[in-house]
Amino acid sequence: MKKDANDELSFDEELLVAEIVSGKKELFRFLVERYERHVYGMGMSFLRNEDDALDFTQEVFLKVFKSLTNFEGRSRFSTWLYKIAYNTAINSAHRKKNFHSLAEDEQASDLDTPEQAAMRRLAKDAVREAVQTLPDRYRVCIDLFFFYDRAYNEIETITGFPVNTIKSHVFRAKKLLREKLQDFGGD
C-alpha cells in the first residue's frame, strides 16, 4: 500500500510532537511555521482585526504547546490544532461579540481597507461555492450551523436529524470544505 504525502506529513508531525514532548521544545517552531498562516487566517475570519488575529494566533499556539501531551494521534495533528483554534475563535468571537454570520448581507467595516473588503468578498464567494457542492444532508447542516448560527438542538428541531447525526454531517462537511478550499489561501 502506497502512502500519500498527507500520510507522510501526518507521520512526520507525530514524530515531531513526540520529540517536543520528550524535551526538545525548540522544535515547536516548526509546527508554528507550518500552521501560523492558517491559524492567523482563522483569527481574521472570526475577529476581523489584524491585532486581534495576531493575539489569537499567539493564544492558540500557547494552548497547543501546553496541550501537546494530550495529543493522542487519533487524528492528524492539523485536525487537532484546528479544533483548538476553532474553539478559541468561537470563544474569542463571543467575548468580543464581533462574529458575523456569512448569511448576513455584505457589510464592510469602516475600518476595512478596499483590499480587505475585496478579500472578504472573495473568501465568502469561495466558501459559498464550495458549500453548494456538498451533499444536501451536509449542506443543510453546514448552512444552519455556520451561516445562520443555529445550535445543534435548533438544527435538530428544524431538520429532524438527531444531534449526533448533525455533528457528524457538520464534521464531514468541514472536512470536504477544507479539501475544496485548501488552495484558496495560496498554499
Foldseek 3Di string as FASTA:
>chain_A
DDDDPQVVVLVVVVVLLVVCVVPPVVSLVVVCVVCVLVLLVLLCLLVVDNVRSVVLSVVLSVVCSVCSVVDPSPDRPVVVSVVSSVVSSVVVCVVVVRGAALLDDQDDDPPDDPVRSVLVVVVSVQLVVQLVPDPPVLSLLCCCVRRVVDDLVVSCVVPVDDSVVSVVSPVVSVVSSCVSCVCVSPD
